[in-house]
Amino acid sequence: MKLVTFTESKVSRIGVLKDDRIIDLSQVAPNLPKDMLTFLQQGDAAMKAAAQHVDAQAQFALAEVVIEAPLIRPPKILAIGLNYRAHAEESNMEIPKYPLVFTKQGTSANGPYAPIHAPRETRMLDYEGELAIVIGKRCRRVTKADARKVIAGFCVLNDVSVREWQFLVTPPQFTMGKSWDTHNPFGPAIVTPDEVDPHNLMLRTFVNDELRQETNTDDLIFDCYDIIEFLSTAFTLEPGDVIATGTPSGVGAAMKPPAPLQVGDSVCVEIEGLGAIENTVVAEPDTALIA
């Protein structure tokens, strides 16, 4: 099952993506929650209820709606660095003995086809195509053997990075470098675990149709279940938490010469079985805000 959040007639709700059309769960299963976070919080019962309608008549073509981030504001966005051997090597870093964990702020969440902002503070804006896990059950101290049970599904993610803040300021500001608004586009759908093997999927990233990253997720140093076991040792994972599992080699900062993203560039990340996201880089608008 492929679960999406979409907007139609200025109203957002959740649905099931079937080929190039959407089954509106608010119509076929009106007792289910209308937002993805509440839906996931209802656990297996909600999933089973939605699955009963995967063969229902679709209400909308993709062209009639806006596909949003599956979770507009995830409770947590967690990420793993240096989790492909080739990427660690291109970064001149040792292969980690434990997952390298960092966070992205919830306000960085962005739609799968929405613009990415290029802030004036960077000339080293970069892409990182990644497989993402979406947690479906509240859990703590999960064993690797049980990790699959707490996963709601998988999606495509671009861990957009401001490299100056991540590495070059003193002291380095990893959280700042990873958390700019719009710098976590993901989606287009949450694909449930019964549909894919997360550890045998081709991942490709294109910038303006030029192939920059290409790998299979079987090259992950720490696989999805390792990551869940490690993270849940320290803190509770909750429904709707998003975990980015790391990027392969081919990031712009490691190219010779470096190839940062420029305004007007289009970045497409595609993962076998999960679909693709595509985002255009735009100059950051005036977003000064005192609400």
C-alpha atoms as a PDB file:
ATOM      1  CA  MET A   1       0.000   0.000   0.000  1.00  0.00           C
ATOM      2  CA  LYS A   2       1.212   3.488  -0.873  1.00  0.00           C
ATOM      3  CA  LEU A   3      -0.122   6.122   1.524  1.00  0.00           C
ATOM      4  CA  VAL A   4      -0.082   9.791   0.560  1.00  0.00           C
ATOM      5  CA  THR A   5      -1.050  13.174   1.920  1.00  0.00           C
ATOM      6  CA  PHE A   6      -2.652  15.338  -0.745  1.00  0.00           C
ATOM      7  CA  THR A   7      -4.459  18.641  -1.109  1.00  0.00           C
ATOM      8  CA  GLU A   8      -7.537  19.086  -3.282  1.00  0.00           C
ATOM      9  CA  SER A   9      -9.891  22.073  -3.236  1.00  0.00           C
ATOM     10  CA  LYS A  10      -7.667  23.614  -0.525  1.00  0.00           C
ATOM     11  CA  VAL A  11      -8.328  20.685   1.825  1.00  0.00           C
ATOM     12  CA  SER A  12      -5.573  18.251   2.814  1.00  0.00           C
ATOM     13  CA  ARG A  13      -6.243  14.635   3.682  1.00  0.00           C
ATOM     14  CA  ILE A  14      -4.757  11.173   3.213  1.00  0.00           C
ATOM     15  CA  GLY A  15      -5.254   8.637   0.486  1.00  0.00           C
ATOM     16  CA  VAL A  16      -3.922   5.544  -1.225  1.00  0.00           C
ATOM     17  CA  LEU A  17      -1.843   5.987  -4.369  1.00  0.00           C
ATOM     18  CA  LYS A  18      -2.765   3.453  -7.033  1.00  0.00           C
ATOM     19  CA  ASP A  19      -0.884   3.806 -10.307  1.00  0.00           C
ATOM     20  CA  ASP A  20      -1.440   7.450 -11.266  1.00  0.00           C
ATOM     21  CA  ARG A  21      -4.636   7.993  -9.288  1.00  0.00           C
ATOM     22  CA  ILE A  22      -5.587   8.527  -5.655  1.00  0.00           C
ATOM     23  CA  ILE A  23      -8.206   6.773  -3.566  1.00  0.00           C
ATOM     24  CA  ASP A  24      -9.485   9.399  -1.130  1.00  0.00           C
ATOM     25  CA  LEU A  25      -9.739   7.672   2.241  1.00  0.00           C
ATOM     26  CA  SER A  26     -11.943  10.453   3.576  1.00  0.00           C
ATOM     27  CA  GLN A  27     -14.566   9.296   1.091  1.00  0.00           C
ATOM     28  CA  VAL A  28     -14.212   5.511   1.171  1.00  0.00           C
ATOM     29  CA  ALA A  29     -13.337   5.211   4.882  1.00  0.00           C
ATOM     30  CA  PRO A  30     -14.727   8.360   6.536  1.00  0.00           C
ATOM     31  CA  ASN A  31     -14.124   7.049  10.062  1.00  0.00           C
ATOM     32  CA  LEU A  32     -10.356   7.072   9.555  1.00  0.00           C
ATOM     33  CA  PRO A  33      -8.313  10.153  10.537  1.00  0.00           C
ATOM     34  CA  LYS A  34      -7.800  12.765   7.855  1.00  0.00           C
ATOM     35  CA  ASP A  35      -4.129  13.439   8.669  1.00  0.00           C
ATOM     36  CA  MET A  36      -1.244  10.994   8.413  1.00  0.00           C
ATOM     37  CA  LEU A  37       0.160  11.463  11.908  1.00  0.00           C
ATOM     38  CA  THR A  38      -3.120  10.631  13.640  1.00  0.00           C
ATOM     39  CA  PHE A  39      -3.631   7.766  11.206  1.00  0.00           C
ATOM     40  CA  LEU A  40      -0.235   6.259  12.098  1.00  0.00           C
ATOM     41  CA  GLN A  41      -0.881   6.774  15.801  1.00  0.00           C
ATOM     42  CA  GLN A  42      -3.933   4.516  15.492  1.00  0.00           C
ATOM     43  CA  GLY A  43      -1.628   1.665  14.531  1.00  0.00           C
ATOM     44  CA  ASP A  44      -2.528  -1.666  12.989  1.00  0.00           C
ATOM     45  CA  ALA A  45      -6.276  -1.110  13.165  1.00  0.00           C
ATOM     46  CA  ALA A  46      -6.060   1.973  10.924  1.00  0.00           C
ATOM     47  CA  MET A  47      -3.669   0.250   8.528  1.00  0.00           C
ATOM     48  CA  LYS A  48      -5.990  -2.739   8.181  1.00  0.00           C
ATOM     49  CA  ALA A  49      -8.993  -0.483   7.649  1.00  0.00           C
ATOM     50  CA  ALA A  50      -7.194   1.451   4.897  1.00  0.00           C
ATOM     51  CA  ALA A  51      -5.981  -1.770   3.248  1.00  0.00           C
ATOM     52  CA  GLN A  52      -9.600  -2.870   2.795  1.00  0.00           C
ATOM     53  CA  HIS A  53     -10.042  -0.056   0.262  1.00  0.00           C
ATOM     54  CA  VAL A  54      -6.996  -0.507  -1.985  1.00  0.00           C
ATOM     55  CA  ASP A  55      -9.263  -1.778  -4.768  1.00  0.00           C
ATOM     56  CA  ALA A  56     -11.831   1.002  -4.406  1.00  0.00           C
ATOM     57  CA  GLN A  57     -12.504   3.326  -7.309  1.00  0.00           C
ATOM     58  CA  ALA A  58     -10.002   6.191  -7.295  1.00  0.00           C
ATOM     59  CA  GLN A  59     -11.432   9.683  -6.962  1.00  0.00           C
ATOM     60  CA  PHE A  60      -8.598  11.833  -8.315  1.00  0.00           C
ATOM     61  CA  ALA A  61      -5.912  11.830 -10.953  1.00  0.00           C
ATOM     62  CA  LEU A  62      -2.504  13.051  -9.791  1.00  0.00           C
ATOM     63  CA  ALA A  63      -2.860  16.130 -11.979  1.00  0.00           C
ATOM     64  CA  GLU A  64      -5.935  17.166  -9.977  1.00  0.00           C
ATOM     65  CA  VAL A  65      -4.183  17.337  -6.591  1.00  0.00           C
ATOM     66  CA  VAL A  66      -1.016  18.537  -4.881  1.00  0.00           C
ATOM     67  CA  ILE A  67       1.017  15.755  -3.311  1.00  0.00           C
ATOM     68  CA  GLU A  68       2.328  16.980   0.038  1.00  0.00           C
ATOM     69  CA  ALA A  69       4.988  15.569   2.335  1.00  0.00           C
ATOM     70  CA  PRO A  70       3.460  12.391   3.777  1.00  0.00           C
ATOM     71  CA  LEU A  71       3.813  13.980   7.231  1.00  0.00           C
ATOM     72  CA  ILE A  72       3.540  17.753   7.202  1.00  0.00           C
ATOM     73  CA  ARG A  73       5.415  18.026  10.532  1.00  0.00           C
ATOM     74  CA  PRO A  74       7.060  14.770  11.635  1.00  0.00           C
ATOM     75  CA  PRO A  75       7.509  14.403  15.410  1.00  0.00           C
ATOM     76  CA  LYS A  76      11.224  13.756  14.861  1.00  0.00           C
ATOM     77  CA  ILE A  77      13.508  13.739  11.827  1.00  0.00           C
ATOM     78  CA  LEU A  78      16.553  11.620  12.598  1.00  0.00           C
ATOM     79  CA  ALA A  79      19.373  10.930  10.195  1.00  0.00           C
ATOM     80  CA  ILE A  80      22.447   8.751   9.839  1.00  0.00           C
ATOM     81  CA  GLY A  81      25.732  10.009   8.416  1.00  0.00           C
ATOM     82  CA  LEU A  82      28.451   8.097   6.560  1.00  0.00           C
ATOM     83  CA  ASN A  83      26.295   4.999   6.132  1.00  0.00           C
ATOM     84  CA  TYR A  84      27.564   3.912   2.710  1.00  0.00           C
ATOM     85  CA  ARG A  85      31.164   2.812   2.450  1.00  0.00           C
ATOM     86  CA  ALA A  86      31.843   4.742  -0.745  1.00  0.00           C
ATOM     87  CA  HIS A  87      30.474   7.960   0.760  1.00  0.00           C
ATOM     88  CA  ALA A  88      32.662   7.598   3.851  1.00  0.00           C
ATOM     89  CA  GLU A  89      35.651   7.106   1.564  1.00  0.00           C
ATOM     90  CA  GLU A  90      34.881  10.135  -0.614  1.00  0.00           C
ATOM     91  CA  SER A  91      34.528  12.180   2.585  1.00  0.00           C
ATOM     92  CA  ASN A  92      37.945  10.949   3.799  1.00  0.00           C
ATOM     93  CA  MET A  93      36.321   9.537   6.929  1.00  0.00           C
ATOM     94  CA  GLU A  94      36.820   6.207   8.670  1.00  0.00           C
ATOM     95  CA  ILE A  95      34.082   3.597   8.412  1.00  0.00           C
ATOM     96  CA  PRO A  96      32.033   4.195  11.580  1.00  0.00           C
ATOM     97  CA  LYS A  97      31.779   1.503  14.246  1.00  0.00           C
ATOM     98  CA  TYR A  98      28.362   2.799  15.322  1.00  0.00           C
ATOM     99  CA  PRO A  99      25.693   4.748  13.426  1.00  0.00           C
ATOM    100  CA  LEU A 100      26.532   8.461  13.258  1.00  0.00           C
ATOM    101  CA  VAL A 101      23.287  10.131  14.350  1.00  0.00           C
ATOM    102  CA  PHE A 102      22.148  13.709  13.826  1.00  0.00           C
ATOM    103  CA  THR A 103      18.801  15.479  13.706  1.00  0.00           C
ATOM    104  CA  LYS A 104      16.982  17.711  11.269  1.00  0.00           C
ATOM    105  CA  GLN A 105      14.363  20.062  12.645  1.00  0.00           C
ATOM    106  CA  GLY A 106      10.714  19.318  11.909  1.00  0.00           C
ATOM    107  CA  THR A 107      10.342  22.647  10.116  1.00  0.00           C
ATOM    108  CA  SER A 108      12.727  21.411   7.411  1.00  0.00           C
ATOM    109  CA  ALA A 109      10.036  18.989   6.181  1.00  0.00           C
ATOM    110  CA  ASN A 110       9.055  19.732   2.608  1.00  0.00           C
ATOM    111  CA  GLY A 111       6.861  18.285  -0.107  1.00  0.00           C
ATOM    112  CA  PRO A 112       8.200  15.825  -2.686  1.00  0.00           C
ATOM    113  CA  TYR A 113       7.788  18.344  -5.535  1.00  0.00           C
ATOM    114  CA  ALA A 114       8.057  21.653  -3.646  1.00  0.00           C
ATOM    115  CA  PRO A 115      10.905  24.159  -4.141  1.00  0.00           C
ATOM    116  CA  ILE A 116      14.128  23.963  -2.129  1.00  0.00           C
ATOM    117  CA  HIS A 117      15.292  27.342  -0.815  1.00  0.00           C
ATOM    118  CA  ALA A 118      18.877  28.455  -1.426  1.00  0.00           C
ATOM    119  CA  PRO A 119      19.639  30.820   1.486  1.00  0.00           C
ATOM    120  CA  ARG A 120      22.004  33.735   1.035  1.00  0.00           C
ATOM    121  CA  GLU A 121      24.266  32.251   3.740  1.00  0.00           C
ATOM    122  CA  THR A 122      25.517  29.460   1.486  1.00  0.00           C
ATOM    123  CA  ARG A 123      27.403  28.886  -1.720  1.00  0.00           C
ATOM    124  CA  MET A 124      27.721  25.195  -0.922  1.00  0.00           C
ATOM    125  CA  LEU A 125      24.161  23.919  -1.026  1.00  0.00           C
ATOM    126  CA  ASP A 126      24.197  20.161  -1.541  1.00  0.00           C
ATOM    127  CA  TYR A 127      21.897  17.186  -2.153  1.00  0.00           C
ATOM    128  CA  GLU A 128      21.872  13.765  -0.483  1.00  0.00           C
ATOM    129  CA  GLY A 129      19.499  11.181  -1.903  1.00  0.00           C
ATOM    130  CA  GLU A 130      18.387   8.743   0.801  1.00  0.00           C
ATOM    131  CA  LEU A 131      16.073   5.927   1.760  1.00  0.00           C
ATOM    132  CA  ALA A 132      13.851   6.988   4.671  1.00  0.00           C
ATOM    133  CA  ILE A 133      12.061   4.908   7.292  1.00  0.00           C
ATOM    134  CA  VAL A 134       8.741   6.023   8.771  1.00  0.00           C
ATOM    135  CA  ILE A 135       8.045   4.652  12.249  1.00  0.00           C
ATOM    136  CA  GLY A 136       4.583   3.213  12.844  1.00  0.00           C
ATOM    137  CA  LYS A 137       4.625   2.160  16.505  1.00  0.00           C
ATOM    138  CA  ARG A 138       5.760   3.762  19.739  1.00  0.00           C
ATOM    139  CA  CYS A 139       8.755   1.714  20.775  1.00  0.00           C
ATOM    140  CA  ARG A 140      11.854   1.593  22.975  1.00  0.00           C
ATOM    141  CA  ARG A 141      14.761  -0.863  23.125  1.00  0.00           C
ATOM    142  CA  VAL A 142      13.682  -2.705  20.007  1.00  0.00           C
ATOM    143  CA  THR A 143      15.832  -5.670  19.026  1.00  0.00           C
ATOM    144  CA  LYS A 144      17.034  -5.984  15.453  1.00  0.00           C
ATOM    145  CA  ALA A 145      14.847  -9.070  15.097  1.00  0.00           C
ATOM    146  CA  ASP A 146      11.746  -7.080  16.030  1.00  0.00           C
ATOM    147  CA  ALA A 147      12.589  -3.836  14.201  1.00  0.00           C
ATOM    148  CA  ARG A 148      10.490  -4.613  11.135  1.00  0.00           C
ATOM    149  CA  LYS A 149       7.384  -4.710  13.340  1.00  0.00           C
ATOM    150  CA  VAL A 150       7.628  -0.997  14.195  1.00  0.00           C
ATOM    151  CA  ILE A 151       8.027   0.296  10.620  1.00  0.00           C
ATOM    152  CA  ALA A 152       5.021   1.894   8.936  1.00  0.00           C
ATOM    153  CA  GLY A 153       6.824   2.146   5.621  1.00  0.00           C
ATOM    154  CA  PHE A 154       9.565   3.669   3.516  1.00  0.00           C
ATOM    155  CA  CYS A 155       9.908   6.710   1.283  1.00  0.00           C
ATOM    156  CA  VAL A 156      12.380   8.787  -0.715  1.00  0.00           C
ATOM    157  CA  LEU A 157      14.182  11.688   0.973  1.00  0.00           C
ATOM    158  CA  ASN A 158      16.674  14.398   0.044  1.00  0.00           C
ATOM    159  CA  ASP A 159      18.836  15.427   3.005  1.00  0.00           C
ATOM    160  CA  VAL A 160      19.626  18.908   1.659  1.00  0.00           C
ATOM    161  CA  SER A 161      22.715  20.322   3.360  1.00  0.00           C
ATOM    162  CA  VAL A 162      24.325  23.719   3.854  1.00  0.00           C
ATOM    163  CA  ARG A 163      27.947  22.599   3.896  1.00  0.00           C
ATOM    164  CA  GLU A 164      29.475  25.805   5.286  1.00  0.00           C
ATOM    165  CA  TRP A 165      27.441  25.474   8.487  1.00  0.00           C
ATOM    166  CA  GLN A 166      27.843  21.717   8.633  1.00  0.00           C
ATOM    167  CA  PHE A 167      31.646  21.671   8.400  1.00  0.00           C
ATOM    168  CA  LEU A 168      33.416  24.989   7.905  1.00  0.00           C
ATOM    169  CA  VAL A 169      32.321  27.263  10.752  1.00  0.00           C
ATOM    170  CA  THR A 170      33.961  26.966  14.161  1.00  0.00           C
ATOM    171  CA  PRO A 171      32.631  25.023  15.910  1.00  0.00           C
ATOM    172  CA  PRO A 172      30.834  23.035  13.168  1.00  0.00           C
ATOM    173  CA  GLN A 173      27.059  23.423  13.293  1.00  0.00           C
ATOM    174  CA  PHE A 174      25.757  20.084  12.080  1.00  0.00           C
ATOM    175  CA  THR A 175      22.170  20.659  13.176  1.00  0.00           C
ATOM    176  CA  MET A 176      22.086  24.130  11.629  1.00  0.00           C
ATOM    177  CA  GLY A 177      23.652  22.877   8.419  1.00  0.00           C
ATOM    178  CA  LYS A 178      20.996  20.202   8.052  1.00  0.00           C
ATOM    179  CA  SER A 179      17.879  22.011   9.244  1.00  0.00           C
ATOM    180  CA  TRP A 180      17.154  24.972   6.987  1.00  0.00           C
ATOM    181  CA  ASP A 181      13.470  25.361   6.147  1.00  0.00           C
ATOM    182  CA  THR A 182      12.526  23.306   3.038  1.00  0.00           C
ATOM    183  CA  HIS A 183      15.704  21.186   3.293  1.00  0.00           C
ATOM    184  CA  ASN A 184      13.983  17.857   3.916  1.00  0.00           C
ATOM    185  CA  PRO A 185      11.768  17.050   0.936  1.00  0.00           C
ATOM    186  CA  PHE A 186      10.401  13.514   1.171  1.00  0.00           C
ATOM    187  CA  GLY A 187       7.703  11.257  -0.190  1.00  0.00           C
ATOM    188  CA  PRO A 188       5.923  10.901  -2.505  1.00  0.00           C
ATOM    189  CA  ALA A 189       4.271   8.096  -0.512  1.00  0.00           C
ATOM    190  CA  ILE A 190       4.811   5.931   2.542  1.00  0.00           C
ATOM    191  CA  VAL A 191       5.214   2.486   0.981  1.00  0.00           C
ATOM    192  CA  THR A 192       4.326  -0.267   3.442  1.00  0.00           C
ATOM    193  CA  PRO A 193       6.936  -2.961   4.224  1.00  0.00           C
ATOM    194  CA  ASP A 194       5.021  -5.732   2.491  1.00  0.00           C
ATOM    195  CA  GLU A 195       5.729  -4.065  -0.880  1.00  0.00           C
ATOM    196  CA  VAL A 196       9.539  -3.703  -0.810  1.00  0.00           C
ATOM    197  CA  ASP A 197      12.741  -5.169   0.564  1.00  0.00           C
ATOM    198  CA  PRO A 198      14.449  -2.009   1.878  1.00  0.00           C
ATOM    199  CA  HIS A 199      17.866  -3.619   1.645  1.00  0.00           C
ATOM    200  CA  ASN A 200      17.794  -4.361  -2.067  1.00  0.00           C
ATOM    201  CA  LEU A 201      16.633  -1.192  -3.815  1.00  0.00           C
ATOM    202  CA  MET A 202      18.379   0.889  -6.467  1.00  0.00           C
ATOM    203  CA  LEU A 203      18.802   4.542  -5.505  1.00  0.00           C
ATOM    204  CA  ARG A 204      19.667   7.249  -8.038  1.00  0.00           C
ATOM    205  CA  THR A 205      20.030  11.017  -7.751  1.00  0.00           C
ATOM    206  CA  PHE A 206      19.978  13.312 -10.779  1.00  0.00           C
ATOM    207  CA  VAL A 207      20.813  17.003 -10.971  1.00  0.00           C
ATOM    208  CA  ASN A 208      19.390  18.553 -14.152  1.00  0.00           C
ATOM    209  CA  ASP A 209      19.080  15.014 -15.571  1.00  0.00           C
ATOM    210  CA  GLU A 210      22.782  14.278 -14.876  1.00  0.00           C
ATOM    211  CA  LEU A 211      23.239  11.094 -12.845  1.00  0.00           C
ATOM    212  CA  ARG A 212      25.160  11.997  -9.673  1.00  0.00           C
ATOM    213  CA  GLN A 213      24.432   9.124  -7.273  1.00  0.00           C
ATOM    214  CA  GLU A 214      23.749   5.472  -7.997  1.00  0.00           C
ATOM    215  CA  THR A 215      23.843   2.592  -5.555  1.00  0.00           C
ATOM    216  CA  ASN A 216      21.896  -0.306  -4.125  1.00  0.00           C
ATOM    217  CA  THR A 217      20.734  -0.131  -0.530  1.00  0.00           C
ATOM    218  CA  ASP A 218      22.422  -3.486   0.046  1.00  0.00           C
ATOM    219  CA  ASP A 219      25.585  -1.370   0.497  1.00  0.00           C
ATOM    220  CA  LEU A 220      24.326   0.253   3.707  1.00  0.00           C
ATOM    221  CA  ILE A 221      26.839  -0.153   6.537  1.00  0.00           C
ATOM    222  CA  PHE A 222      24.029  -0.196   9.109  1.00  0.00           C
ATOM    223  CA  ASP A 223      20.747  -1.440   7.691  1.00  0.00           C
ATOM    224  CA  CYS A 224      17.287  -0.205   8.657  1.00  0.00           C
ATOM    225  CA  TYR A 225      16.911  -2.710  11.472  1.00  0.00           C
ATOM    226  CA  ASP A 226      20.366  -1.941  12.912  1.00  0.00           C
ATOM    227  CA  ILE A 227      19.442   1.744  12.957  1.00  0.00           C
ATOM    228  CA  ILE A 228      16.146   1.216  14.768  1.00  0.00           C
ATOM    229  CA  GLU A 229      17.793  -1.015  17.364  1.00  0.00           C
ATOM    230  CA  PHE A 230      20.522   1.588  17.949  1.00  0.00           C
ATOM    231  CA  LEU A 231      18.270   4.644  18.150  1.00  0.00           C
ATOM    232  CA  SER A 232      15.655   3.026  20.351  1.00  0.00           C
ATOM    233  CA  THR A 233      18.330   2.101  22.888  1.00  0.00           C
ATOM    234  CA  ALA A 234      18.516   5.764  23.902  1.00  0.00           C
ATOM    235  CA  PHE A 235      15.054   7.179  23.328  1.00  0.00           C
ATOM    236  CA  THR A 236      11.505   6.316  22.425  1.00  0.00           C
ATOM    237  CA  LEU A 237      10.608   6.267  18.750  1.00  0.00           C
ATOM    238  CA  GLU A 238       7.084   7.422  17.958  1.00  0.00           C
ATOM    239  CA  PRO A 239       4.614   6.990  15.090  1.00  0.00           C
ATOM    240  CA  GLY A 240       5.464   9.465  12.359  1.00  0.00           C
ATOM    241  CA  ASP A 241       9.163   9.750  13.182  1.00  0.00           C
ATOM    242  CA  VAL A 242      11.212   9.870   9.977  1.00  0.00           C
ATOM    243  CA  ILE A 243      14.690   8.322   9.823  1.00  0.00           C
ATOM    244  CA  ALA A 244      16.989   9.124   6.895  1.00  0.00           C
ATOM    245  CA  THR A 245      19.357   6.184   6.500  1.00  0.00           C
ATOM    246  CA  GLY A 246      22.308   7.933   4.839  1.00  0.00           C
ATOM    247  CA  THR A 247      23.473   8.921   1.388  1.00  0.00           C
ATOM    248  CA  PRO A 248      25.780   7.130  -1.065  1.00  0.00           C
ATOM    249  CA  SER A 249      28.800   8.606  -2.814  1.00  0.00           C
ATOM    250  CA  GLY A 250      28.366  11.311  -5.436  1.00  0.00           C
ATOM    251  CA  VAL A 251      27.446  14.365  -3.388  1.00  0.00           C
ATOM    252  CA  GLY A 252      28.292  17.705  -4.960  1.00  0.00           C
ATOM    253  CA  ALA A 253      30.791  18.720  -2.259  1.00  0.00           C
ATOM    254  CA  ALA A 254      32.967  15.676  -3.015  1.00  0.00           C
ATOM    255  CA  MET A 255      33.133  16.213  -6.768  1.00  0.00           C
ATOM    256  CA  LYS A 256      36.323  17.589  -8.306  1.00  0.00           C
ATOM    257  CA  PRO A 257      35.782  20.450  -8.673  1.00  0.00           C
ATOM    258  CA  PRO A 258      32.880  20.708  -6.193  1.00  0.00           C
ATOM    259  CA  ALA A 259      29.459  21.056  -7.808  1.00  0.00           C
ATOM    260  CA  PRO A 260      27.080  22.778  -5.357  1.00  0.00           C
ATOM    261  CA  LEU A 261      23.459  23.319  -6.248  1.00  0.00           C
ATOM    262  CA  GLN A 262      22.561  26.558  -7.992  1.00  0.00           C
ATOM    263  CA  VAL A 263      19.295  28.453  -8.245  1.00  0.00           C
ATOM    264  CA  GLY A 264      17.354  26.895 -11.097  1.00  0.00           C
ATOM    265  CA  ASP A 265      18.774  23.390 -10.632  1.00  0.00           C
ATOM    266  CA  SER A 266      16.382  20.465 -10.462  1.00  0.00           C
ATOM    267  CA  VAL A 267      17.183  17.542  -8.151  1.00  0.00           C
ATOM    268  CA  CYS A 268      15.461  14.208  -8.647  1.00  0.00           C
ATOM    269  CA  VAL A 269      15.908  11.305  -6.233  1.00  0.00           C
ATOM    270  CA  GLU A 270      14.385   7.994  -7.223  1.00  0.00           C
ATOM    271  CA  ILE A 271      14.323   4.690  -5.368  1.00  0.00           C
ATOM    272  CA  GLU A 272      13.153   1.452  -6.874  1.00  0.00           C
ATOM    273  CA  GLY A 273       9.665   0.563  -5.651  1.00  0.00           C
ATOM    274  CA  LEU A 274       9.207   3.848  -3.772  1.00  0.00           C
ATOM    275  CA  GLY A 275       8.903   6.374  -6.594  1.00  0.00           C
ATOM    276  CA  ALA A 276      10.722   9.663  -7.064  1.00  0.00           C
ATOM    277  CA  ILE A 277      10.809  13.163  -5.655  1.00  0.00           C
ATOM    278  CA  GLU A 278      11.905  16.173  -7.687  1.00  0.00           C
ATOM    279  CA  ASN A 279      12.596  19.639  -6.341  1.00  0.00           C
ATOM    280  CA  THR A 280      13.761  22.869  -7.973  1.00  0.00           C
ATOM    281  CA  VAL A 281      16.223  25.154  -6.200  1.00  0.00           C
ATOM    282  CA  VAL A 282      14.962  28.731  -5.804  1.00  0.00           C
ATOM    283  CA  ALA A 283      16.410  31.757  -4.065  1.00  0.00           C
ATOM    284  CA  GLU A 284      15.087  31.905  -0.535  1.00  0.00           C
ATOM    285  CA  PRO A 285      12.246  34.416  -0.413  1.00  0.00           C
ATOM    286  CA  ASP A 286      11.926  36.992   2.326  1.00  0.00           C
ATOM    287  CA  THR A 287      10.830  34.731   5.158  1.00  0.00           C
ATOM    288  CA  ALA A 288      11.362  37.084   8.080  1.00  0.00           C
ATOM    289  CA  LEU A 289       8.554  36.291  10.498  1.00  0.00           C
ATOM    290  CA  ILE A 290       7.201  37.412  13.818  1.00  0.00           C
ATOM    291  CA  ALA A 291       3.850  35.706  14.215  1.00  0.00           C
END
